[in-house]
Amino acid sequence: MQDYLREQRAWLTIEWLPSYAPDLNPAEGIWNNVKSREMANYCPDRMTEAAARFRRGLQRVSYTRLLPFSFLRHAGLSF
């Protein structure tokens, strides 16, 4: 991989990120939001119930006009 990256130097810019950087990952913000709302204090009997509730949380996030962009902005990826 290092050889390939060196060969692509003319056009490729490499940004080295830390191995674990949740602040740079917008998906972490979405997960934390759903976890603190739909999944808070929820103890399902079946995994299918938990998955359904999690999907409802994702739908809530996606139907909210500005909320998804706030996760991008928090990660420094605003448009």
N, C-alpha and C. Protein backbone atom coordinates (compact mmCIF):
# COMPACT_ATOMS: atom_id res chain seq x y z
N MET A 1 0.82 -1.18 0.00
CA MET A 1 0.00 0.00 0.00
C MET A 1 0.87 1.25 0.00
N GLN A 2 1.93 1.24 0.78
CA GLN A 2 2.82 2.41 0.83
C GLN A 2 3.39 2.72 -0.55
N ASP A 3 3.78 1.69 -1.30
CA ASP A 3 4.31 1.90 -2.66
C ASP A 3 3.24 2.52 -3.55
N TYR A 4 2.03 2.00 -3.48
CA TYR A 4 0.93 2.53 -4.28
C TYR A 4 0.68 4.00 -3.95
N LEU A 5 0.66 4.32 -2.67
CA LEU A 5 0.42 5.71 -2.27
C LEU A 5 1.53 6.64 -2.77
N ARG A 6 2.77 6.18 -2.73
CA ARG A 6 3.87 6.99 -3.25
C ARG A 6 3.71 7.24 -4.75
N GLU A 7 3.25 6.24 -5.48
CA GLU A 7 3.06 6.38 -6.93
C GLU A 7 1.95 7.39 -7.26
N GLN A 8 0.99 7.58 -6.37
CA GLN A 8 -0.16 8.45 -6.62
C GLN A 8 0.03 9.87 -6.09
N ARG A 9 1.22 10.19 -5.64
CA ARG A 9 1.48 11.48 -5.01
C ARG A 9 1.11 12.69 -5.86
N ALA A 10 1.15 12.54 -7.18
CA ALA A 10 0.88 13.68 -8.05
C ALA A 10 -0.54 14.22 -7.88
N TRP A 11 -1.47 13.37 -7.56
CA TRP A 11 -2.87 13.82 -7.48
C TRP A 11 -3.55 13.48 -6.15
N LEU A 12 -2.96 12.60 -5.36
CA LEU A 12 -3.62 12.12 -4.15
C LEU A 12 -3.07 12.83 -2.92
N THR A 13 -3.98 13.37 -2.12
CA THR A 13 -3.59 13.97 -0.84
C THR A 13 -4.03 13.03 0.26
N ILE A 14 -3.12 12.69 1.13
CA ILE A 14 -3.39 11.73 2.20
C ILE A 14 -3.55 12.50 3.51
N GLU A 15 -4.64 12.21 4.20
CA GLU A 15 -4.88 12.77 5.52
C GLU A 15 -4.81 11.63 6.53
N TRP A 16 -3.80 11.64 7.36
CA TRP A 16 -3.66 10.58 8.36
C TRP A 16 -4.53 10.93 9.56
N LEU A 17 -5.39 10.01 9.91
CA LEU A 17 -6.30 10.20 11.04
C LEU A 17 -5.90 9.27 12.18
N PRO A 18 -6.27 9.62 13.39
CA PRO A 18 -6.00 8.71 14.50
C PRO A 18 -6.76 7.40 14.32
N SER A 19 -6.26 6.35 14.94
CA SER A 19 -6.89 5.04 14.76
C SER A 19 -8.31 5.00 15.29
N TYR A 20 -8.59 5.74 16.34
CA TYR A 20 -9.95 5.81 16.86
C TYR A 20 -10.28 7.27 17.12
N ALA A 21 -11.18 7.81 16.32
CA ALA A 21 -11.53 9.22 16.44
C ALA A 21 -13.04 9.40 16.28
N PRO A 22 -13.82 9.09 17.31
CA PRO A 22 -15.27 9.20 17.19
C PRO A 22 -15.74 10.62 16.88
N ASP A 23 -14.98 11.64 17.28
CA ASP A 23 -15.38 13.01 16.98
C ASP A 23 -15.32 13.33 15.50
N LEU A 24 -14.56 12.54 14.73
CA LEU A 24 -14.43 12.77 13.30
C LEU A 24 -15.39 11.91 12.48
N ASN A 25 -16.20 11.12 13.16
CA ASN A 25 -17.10 10.18 12.48
C ASN A 25 -18.55 10.60 12.71
N PRO A 26 -19.23 11.10 11.67
CA PRO A 26 -20.61 11.54 11.85
C PRO A 26 -21.56 10.43 12.29
N ALA A 27 -21.24 9.18 11.96
CA ALA A 27 -22.10 8.07 12.36
C ALA A 27 -22.15 7.92 13.88
N GLU A 28 -21.09 8.31 14.56
CA GLU A 28 -21.09 8.24 16.02
C GLU A 28 -22.14 9.18 16.61
N GLY A 29 -22.29 10.35 16.02
CA GLY A 29 -23.30 11.30 16.49
C GLY A 29 -24.70 10.78 16.30
N ILE A 30 -24.94 10.15 15.16
CA ILE A 30 -26.26 9.56 14.90
C ILE A 30 -26.54 8.47 15.91
N TRP A 31 -25.56 7.57 16.10
CA TRP A 31 -25.74 6.47 17.05
C TRP A 31 -26.01 7.01 18.46
N ASN A 32 -25.25 8.01 18.89
CA ASN A 32 -25.46 8.57 20.23
C ASN A 32 -26.83 9.21 20.37
N ASN A 33 -27.29 9.86 19.31
CA ASN A 33 -28.61 10.50 19.35
C ASN A 33 -29.71 9.47 19.48
N VAL A 34 -29.67 8.43 18.67
CA VAL A 34 -30.70 7.38 18.72
C VAL A 34 -30.61 6.63 20.04
N LYS A 35 -29.38 6.38 20.49
CA LYS A 35 -29.18 5.65 21.74
C LYS A 35 -29.76 6.42 22.93
N SER A 36 -29.64 7.74 22.90
CA SER A 36 -30.14 8.52 24.04
C SER A 36 -31.63 8.82 23.97
N ARG A 37 -32.25 8.56 22.83
CA ARG A 37 -33.69 8.81 22.69
C ARG A 37 -34.47 7.50 22.63
N GLU A 38 -34.45 6.85 21.49
CA GLU A 38 -35.27 5.64 21.29
C GLU A 38 -34.79 4.45 22.12
N MET A 39 -33.48 4.33 22.32
CA MET A 39 -32.94 3.15 22.99
C MET A 39 -32.73 3.36 24.50
N ALA A 40 -32.94 4.58 24.99
CA ALA A 40 -32.70 4.86 26.41
C ALA A 40 -33.67 4.06 27.29
N ASN A 41 -33.12 3.39 28.27
CA ASN A 41 -33.90 2.60 29.23
C ASN A 41 -34.82 1.57 28.56
N TYR A 42 -34.42 1.07 27.42
CA TYR A 42 -35.22 0.10 26.68
C TYR A 42 -34.58 -1.27 26.81
N CYS A 43 -35.35 -2.23 27.24
CA CYS A 43 -34.85 -3.59 27.44
C CYS A 43 -35.78 -4.56 26.69
N PRO A 44 -35.52 -4.79 25.41
CA PRO A 44 -36.41 -5.65 24.62
C PRO A 44 -36.24 -7.12 24.95
N ASP A 45 -37.27 -7.88 24.69
CA ASP A 45 -37.19 -9.33 24.87
C ASP A 45 -36.53 -10.00 23.68
N ARG A 46 -36.64 -9.39 22.51
CA ARG A 46 -36.09 -9.97 21.29
C ARG A 46 -35.26 -8.94 20.54
N MET A 47 -34.27 -9.43 19.83
CA MET A 47 -33.42 -8.56 19.04
C MET A 47 -34.21 -7.86 17.94
N THR A 48 -35.22 -8.52 17.40
CA THR A 48 -36.03 -7.89 16.35
C THR A 48 -36.74 -6.65 16.87
N GLU A 49 -37.14 -6.66 18.14
CA GLU A 49 -37.78 -5.49 18.74
C GLU A 49 -36.78 -4.33 18.85
N ALA A 50 -35.56 -4.64 19.27
CA ALA A 50 -34.52 -3.61 19.37
C ALA A 50 -34.19 -3.05 18.00
N ALA A 51 -34.10 -3.91 17.00
CA ALA A 51 -33.79 -3.46 15.64
C ALA A 51 -34.89 -2.56 15.10
N ALA A 52 -36.14 -2.90 15.37
CA ALA A 52 -37.26 -2.09 14.90
C ALA A 52 -37.23 -0.71 15.55
N ARG A 53 -36.95 -0.66 16.83
CA ARG A 53 -36.90 0.63 17.52
C ARG A 53 -35.73 1.46 17.03
N PHE A 54 -34.61 0.80 16.77
CA PHE A 54 -33.45 1.52 16.25
C PHE A 54 -33.76 2.10 14.87
N ARG A 55 -34.45 1.33 14.03
CA ARG A 55 -34.83 1.82 12.70
C ARG A 55 -35.75 3.04 12.81
N ARG A 56 -36.65 3.01 13.78
CA ARG A 56 -37.53 4.17 13.99
C ARG A 56 -36.70 5.40 14.36
N GLY A 57 -35.67 5.20 15.15
CA GLY A 57 -34.79 6.31 15.50
C GLY A 57 -34.07 6.86 14.29
N LEU A 58 -33.58 5.98 13.44
CA LEU A 58 -32.92 6.43 12.22
C LEU A 58 -33.89 7.18 11.31
N GLN A 59 -35.13 6.72 11.26
CA GLN A 59 -36.13 7.42 10.47
C GLN A 59 -36.38 8.82 11.04
N ARG A 60 -36.46 8.92 12.37
CA ARG A 60 -36.67 10.22 13.00
C ARG A 60 -35.54 11.17 12.61
N VAL A 61 -34.32 10.67 12.67
CA VAL A 61 -33.17 11.51 12.32
C VAL A 61 -33.25 11.93 10.85
N SER A 62 -33.58 10.99 9.98
CA SER A 62 -33.59 11.30 8.55
C SER A 62 -34.75 12.22 8.16
N TYR A 63 -35.85 12.19 8.91
CA TYR A 63 -36.99 13.04 8.59
C TYR A 63 -36.84 14.45 9.15
N THR A 64 -35.89 14.64 10.03
CA THR A 64 -35.63 15.96 10.59
C THR A 64 -34.72 16.72 9.63
N ARG A 65 -35.11 17.90 9.25
CA ARG A 65 -34.40 18.61 8.19
C ARG A 65 -32.95 18.96 8.54
N LEU A 66 -32.69 19.48 9.72
CA LEU A 66 -31.36 19.98 10.06
C LEU A 66 -30.51 19.02 10.89
N LEU A 67 -31.13 18.07 11.55
CA LEU A 67 -30.39 17.19 12.45
C LEU A 67 -29.27 16.41 11.77
N PRO A 68 -29.50 15.77 10.62
CA PRO A 68 -28.39 15.04 9.98
C PRO A 68 -27.19 15.94 9.66
N PHE A 69 -27.46 17.18 9.27
CA PHE A 69 -26.37 18.10 8.96
C PHE A 69 -25.59 18.51 10.21
N SER A 70 -26.25 18.48 11.36
CA SER A 70 -25.54 18.83 12.60
C SER A 70 -24.46 17.80 12.91
N PHE A 71 -24.69 16.54 12.57
CA PHE A 71 -23.67 15.51 12.81
C PHE A 71 -22.48 15.72 11.88
N LEU A 72 -22.74 16.12 10.65
CA LEU A 72 -21.65 16.43 9.72
C LEU A 72 -20.87 17.65 10.20
N ARG A 73 -21.58 18.68 10.64
CA ARG A 73 -20.93 19.90 11.12
C ARG A 73 -20.06 19.62 12.34
N HIS A 74 -20.58 18.79 13.26
CA HIS A 74 -19.82 18.45 14.46
C HIS A 74 -18.52 17.72 14.11
N ALA A 75 -18.55 16.92 13.04
CA ALA A 75 -17.35 16.18 12.62
C ALA A 75 -16.42 17.03 11.75
N GLY A 76 -16.82 18.30 11.51
CA GLY A 76 -15.98 19.18 10.70
C GLY A 76 -16.19 18.96 9.21
N LEU A 77 -17.33 18.40 8.83
CA LEU A 77 -17.61 18.11 7.43
C LEU A 77 -18.78 18.93 6.91
N SER A 78 -18.93 20.16 7.39
CA SER A 78 -20.07 20.97 6.96
C SER A 78 -19.92 21.40 5.51
N PHE A 79 -21.07 21.64 4.89
CA PHE A 79 -21.10 22.01 3.48
C PHE A 79 -21.58 23.43 3.33
